[in-house]
Protein backbone atom coordinates (compact mmCIF):
# COMPACT_ATOMS: atom_id res chain seq x y z
CA MET A 1 94.37 -15.34 -4.98
CA SER A 2 92.52 -15.89 -8.17
CA TYR A 3 91.19 -13.29 -10.53
CA GLU A 4 89.35 -15.26 -12.84
CA ILE A 5 86.15 -13.50 -13.78
CA ASP A 6 82.93 -15.31 -12.95
CA LEU A 7 79.74 -13.66 -14.04
CA SER A 8 77.37 -16.49 -13.19
CA GLY A 9 74.04 -15.32 -12.05
CA LYS A 10 74.48 -11.85 -13.56
CA VAL A 11 72.24 -10.66 -16.46
CA ALA A 12 73.96 -8.50 -19.03
CA LEU A 13 72.24 -6.28 -21.63
CA VAL A 14 74.23 -5.67 -24.74
CA THR A 15 72.82 -3.03 -27.17
CA GLY A 16 74.10 -3.08 -30.93
CA ALA A 17 74.65 -6.87 -30.39
CA SER A 18 73.80 -7.98 -34.03
CA SER A 19 77.35 -7.54 -35.25
CA GLY A 20 80.94 -6.29 -34.79
CA LEU A 21 81.95 -5.46 -31.28
CA GLY A 22 78.46 -5.94 -29.69
CA ALA A 23 78.33 -9.40 -30.97
CA ARG A 24 81.67 -10.08 -29.50
CA PHE A 25 80.88 -8.65 -26.11
CA ALA A 26 77.99 -10.65 -25.87
CA LYS A 27 79.68 -13.95 -26.58
CA VAL A 28 82.50 -13.03 -24.14
CA LEU A 29 79.97 -12.14 -21.32
CA ALA A 30 77.92 -15.46 -21.89
CA GLN A 31 81.31 -17.51 -21.78
CA ALA A 32 81.94 -15.87 -18.55
CA GLY A 33 78.47 -17.17 -17.21
CA ALA A 34 76.38 -14.25 -17.58
CA THR A 35 72.75 -14.44 -19.19
CA VAL A 36 72.81 -12.09 -22.05
CA ALA A 37 70.11 -9.93 -23.44
CA LEU A 38 70.86 -9.35 -27.11
CA ALA A 39 69.35 -6.02 -28.26
CA ALA A 40 69.35 -4.35 -31.81
CA ARG A 41 67.11 -3.52 -34.72
CA ARG A 42 68.18 -6.73 -36.70
CA THR A 43 66.50 -9.37 -34.77
CA GLU A 44 67.24 -11.90 -37.18
CA ARG A 45 71.09 -11.52 -36.70
CA LEU A 46 70.39 -11.64 -32.96
CA LYS A 47 68.61 -15.00 -33.46
CA GLU A 48 71.65 -16.29 -35.23
CA LEU A 49 73.96 -15.02 -32.41
CA ARG A 50 71.71 -16.54 -29.65
CA ALA A 51 71.97 -19.82 -31.52
CA GLU A 52 75.76 -19.59 -31.49
CA ILE A 53 75.88 -18.67 -27.79
CA ASP A 54 73.39 -21.52 -26.97
CA ALA A 55 75.62 -23.93 -28.80
CA GLU A 56 78.48 -22.99 -26.71
CA GLY A 57 76.57 -23.52 -23.34
CA GLY A 58 75.64 -20.04 -22.81
CA GLU A 59 72.21 -18.38 -22.28
CA ALA A 60 71.07 -15.43 -24.55
CA HIS A 61 67.54 -13.82 -25.22
CA VAL A 62 66.73 -11.58 -28.17
CA TYR A 63 65.07 -8.12 -27.96
CA GLY A 64 64.24 -5.68 -30.73
CA LEU A 65 65.53 -2.07 -29.82
CA ASP A 66 65.81 1.20 -31.70
CA VAL A 67 67.90 3.41 -29.43
CA THR A 68 67.00 6.60 -31.25
CA ASP A 69 63.48 5.96 -30.11
CA VAL A 70 63.00 6.61 -26.37
CA GLN A 71 59.70 4.55 -26.26
CA SER A 72 61.54 1.55 -27.77
CA VAL A 73 64.36 1.95 -25.16
CA GLN A 74 61.72 1.95 -22.36
CA ALA A 75 59.80 -0.93 -23.63
CA CYS A 76 62.95 -2.99 -24.18
CA VAL A 77 64.49 -2.42 -20.70
CA ALA A 78 61.02 -3.08 -19.09
CA GLN A 79 60.84 -6.49 -21.11
CA VAL A 80 64.35 -7.46 -20.06
CA GLU A 81 63.75 -6.79 -16.48
CA SER A 82 60.40 -8.54 -16.51
CA ASP A 83 61.75 -11.64 -18.44
CA LEU A 84 65.24 -11.87 -16.60
CA LYS A 85 64.20 -10.16 -13.35
CA LYS A 86 67.02 -7.75 -13.19
CA ILE A 87 69.83 -6.08 -15.21
CA ASP A 88 73.35 -6.19 -13.43
CA ILE A 89 75.61 -5.06 -16.44
CA LEU A 90 74.86 -2.79 -19.51
CA VAL A 91 77.12 -2.69 -22.42
CA ASN A 92 75.96 0.53 -24.06
CA ASN A 93 77.45 -0.26 -27.58
CA SER A 94 75.03 1.09 -30.34
CA GLY A 95 76.92 3.47 -32.59
CA VAL A 96 77.15 4.62 -36.20
CA SER A 97 79.35 7.03 -38.14
CA ALA A 98 79.12 9.29 -41.11
CA GLN A 99 82.24 10.42 -42.85
CA ALA A 100 82.51 13.97 -44.35
CA ARG A 101 84.35 17.08 -44.23
CA ALA A 102 82.88 19.42 -41.63
CA PHE A 103 81.92 21.91 -44.51
CA ASP A 104 79.74 19.14 -45.98
CA VAL A 105 78.08 17.58 -43.02
CA THR A 106 74.29 17.75 -43.47
CA GLU A 107 71.60 18.09 -40.96
CA GLU A 108 70.70 14.41 -41.78
CA ASP A 109 74.15 13.24 -41.22
CA TYR A 110 74.29 15.24 -37.81
CA ASP A 111 70.97 13.64 -36.60
CA TYR A 112 71.85 10.21 -37.84
CA VAL A 113 75.07 10.10 -35.70
CA MET A 114 73.88 12.03 -32.63
CA ASN A 115 70.57 10.30 -32.26
CA THR A 116 72.29 6.91 -32.12
CA ASN A 117 75.57 7.70 -30.49
CA LEU A 118 74.59 10.27 -27.78
CA LYS A 119 70.86 10.54 -27.61
CA GLY A 120 70.53 6.55 -27.72
CA ALA A 121 73.37 6.04 -25.27
CA PHE A 122 72.01 8.47 -22.83
CA PHE A 123 68.60 7.16 -22.65
CA VAL A 124 69.53 3.52 -22.51
CA ALA A 125 71.85 4.32 -19.68
CA GLN A 126 69.16 6.34 -17.88
CA GLN A 127 66.64 3.53 -18.14
CA VAL A 128 68.92 0.82 -16.98
CA GLY A 129 70.36 2.98 -14.17
CA LYS A 130 66.81 3.58 -12.92
CA VAL A 131 66.29 -0.19 -12.71
CA MET A 132 69.55 -0.85 -10.79
CA ALA A 133 68.81 1.94 -8.61
CA GLU A 134 65.23 0.80 -7.90
CA ARG A 135 66.61 -2.79 -7.21
CA LYS A 136 69.28 -1.25 -4.89
CA THR A 137 71.72 -3.86 -6.19
CA PRO A 138 75.32 -3.17 -7.56
CA GLY A 139 75.49 -2.43 -11.23
CA ARG A 140 77.88 -1.91 -13.98
CA ILE A 141 77.27 0.38 -17.00
CA ILE A 142 80.08 0.19 -19.73
CA ASN A 143 79.72 2.86 -22.38
CA ILE A 144 81.56 2.10 -25.55
CA ALA A 145 83.02 5.43 -26.55
CA SER A 146 86.03 5.96 -28.86
CA VAL A 147 89.46 7.15 -29.14
CA ALA A 148 87.77 9.65 -31.50
CA GLY A 149 86.42 11.23 -28.40
CA MET A 150 89.79 11.88 -27.02
CA ARG A 151 91.56 13.24 -30.22
CA ALA A 152 90.38 14.92 -33.55
CA LEU A 153 90.08 12.84 -36.51
CA SER A 154 89.74 14.24 -40.07
CA GLN A 155 86.33 13.96 -41.78
CA LEU A 156 84.68 12.55 -38.62
CA SER A 157 83.80 15.72 -36.87
CA VAL A 158 80.29 14.66 -35.78
CA TYR A 159 81.36 11.24 -34.79
CA CYS A 160 84.28 12.74 -32.59
CA ILE A 161 81.62 15.13 -31.06
CA SER A 162 79.23 12.32 -30.24
CA LYS A 163 81.94 10.19 -28.60
CA ALA A 164 83.42 13.12 -26.64
CA ALA A 165 79.80 13.58 -25.39
CA VAL A 166 79.66 10.05 -24.30
CA ILE A 167 82.84 10.46 -22.37
CA ALA A 168 81.32 13.52 -20.48
CA MET A 169 78.11 11.65 -19.93
CA THR A 170 79.99 8.71 -18.34
CA LYS A 171 81.68 10.96 -15.92
CA SER A 172 78.52 12.71 -15.04
CA MET A 173 76.62 9.55 -14.47
CA ALA A 174 79.43 8.00 -12.54
CA LEU A 175 79.35 11.09 -10.04
CA GLU A 176 75.41 11.05 -9.64
CA TRP A 177 74.91 7.11 -9.40
CA GLY A 178 77.83 6.00 -7.42
CA ARG A 179 75.76 6.26 -4.22
CA TYR A 180 73.41 3.69 -5.70
CA GLY A 181 76.40 1.21 -6.18
CA ILE A 182 76.26 1.86 -9.95
CA ASN A 183 79.81 1.98 -11.59
CA VAL A 184 79.77 3.89 -14.89
CA ASN A 185 82.84 3.69 -17.06
CA ALA A 186 83.85 4.03 -20.68
CA ILE A 187 86.02 2.04 -22.94
CA CYS A 188 87.59 4.02 -25.80
CA PRO A 189 88.74 1.52 -28.68
CA GLY A 190 90.99 2.60 -31.27
CA TYR A 191 91.14 1.11 -34.70
CA ILE A 192 89.56 -2.28 -34.27
CA GLU A 193 88.97 -4.58 -37.51
CA THR A 194 85.29 -5.72 -37.80
CA GLU A 195 83.29 -6.94 -40.77
CA ILE A 196 82.20 -3.35 -41.37
CA ASN A 197 85.75 -1.76 -41.89
CA SER A 198 87.89 -4.97 -42.92
CA ALA A 199 87.50 -4.25 -46.73
CA TYR A 200 88.53 -0.59 -46.17
CA PHE A 201 91.79 -1.45 -44.30
CA LYS A 202 92.77 -3.78 -46.97
CA GLY A 203 92.66 -0.97 -49.55
CA GLU A 204 95.10 1.94 -50.27
CA GLY A 205 93.42 4.31 -47.77
CA GLY A 206 93.34 1.83 -45.04
CA GLN A 207 96.87 0.83 -45.60
CA LYS A 208 97.94 4.50 -45.33
CA LEU A 209 96.23 4.98 -42.14
CA LEU A 210 97.89 1.75 -40.68
CA GLY A 211 101.21 3.56 -41.37
CA ILE A 212 100.39 6.28 -38.76
CA LEU A 213 99.40 3.72 -35.96
CA PRO A 214 102.18 3.32 -33.11
CA ARG A 215 102.71 -0.37 -34.10
CA ARG A 216 101.44 -0.43 -37.57
CA ARG A 217 98.66 -2.90 -36.80
CA LEU A 218 94.87 -2.94 -36.27
CA GLY A 219 93.31 -4.18 -33.12
CA GLN A 220 91.03 -7.19 -33.05
CA PRO A 221 87.75 -7.48 -31.09
CA GLU A 222 89.11 -10.09 -28.74
CA ASP A 223 91.73 -7.39 -27.73
CA LEU A 224 89.04 -5.75 -25.66
CA ASP A 225 87.85 -9.01 -23.92
CA GLY A 226 89.84 -8.63 -20.84
CA LEU A 227 89.01 -4.87 -20.27
CA MET A 228 85.21 -5.65 -20.74
CA LEU A 229 85.14 -8.52 -18.32
CA LEU A 230 87.01 -6.47 -15.55
CA LEU A 231 84.59 -3.56 -16.00
CA ALA A 232 81.60 -5.95 -15.88
CA SER A 233 82.91 -7.77 -12.74
CA GLU A 234 83.02 -7.16 -9.00
CA ALA A 235 86.70 -6.79 -9.54
CA SER A 236 86.31 -3.29 -10.70
CA GLY A 237 84.42 -2.32 -7.53
CA PHE A 238 86.74 0.95 -7.04
CA VAL A 239 86.77 1.77 -10.85
CA ASN A 240 83.90 4.35 -11.40
CA GLY A 241 84.04 7.37 -13.96
CA ALA A 242 87.00 5.83 -15.76
CA VAL A 243 87.63 6.55 -19.32
CA ILE A 244 89.97 3.96 -20.70
CA ALA A 245 91.69 3.89 -24.04
CA ALA A 246 92.27 0.40 -25.69
CA ASP A 247 94.01 1.66 -28.63
CA ASP A 248 97.49 0.42 -28.76
CA GLY A 249 99.03 3.83 -27.70
CA LEU A 250 97.30 5.87 -30.45
CA SER A 251 95.86 8.53 -28.01
CA VAL A 252 99.26 9.33 -26.69
CA THR A 253 101.01 9.94 -29.93
């Protein structure tokens, strides 16, 4: 029996695809055969990513999206469905952070994080879920939460709150939408090295943080490939409402 993941014929929408994990997820899904809708505010970066995917034999399309604007979310999802005729997979990845002590968090900090990480994630999932339910075809929604939603992290209170809420959102949607054949699951990455945080982890603070990790190492974006493909595929048909840590054991320490 073979468990090779083949997503040929599937359409995947990836939010926050202009950099970091979102760009990696998009490439991996395309390599597995899915047609990928790349969505983010920075469309020039998306066009560069589309060219990379095209050069590797995949298929990708570019869509502007501001997840903090519900009208933008509705327009993007409607355009993807119109262009590509369906959405089988959603990777709900857009996310931001603001580092500050809880005493020092401003209203602007709070709104910046919550509007993207929670409000944005909710309404993207809602709109895609409606499309899947109306078409009466099995769907996969993969919310990108964080180990920060499973344990407290100093000076990241609002980020932790937002990701804990995404975990609760995942479970609620899984409970409601399972009857429509829609599986909703969450991946909780630990410390993954990307272009945004690479410089920090090379500095004194980052090196100190590495010292508390179970195996004293950072994850790499490719460490999430297998889990992403599993949850996007039919092989995960009995996995619904799962919250899966991919953190090298950090959440159990």
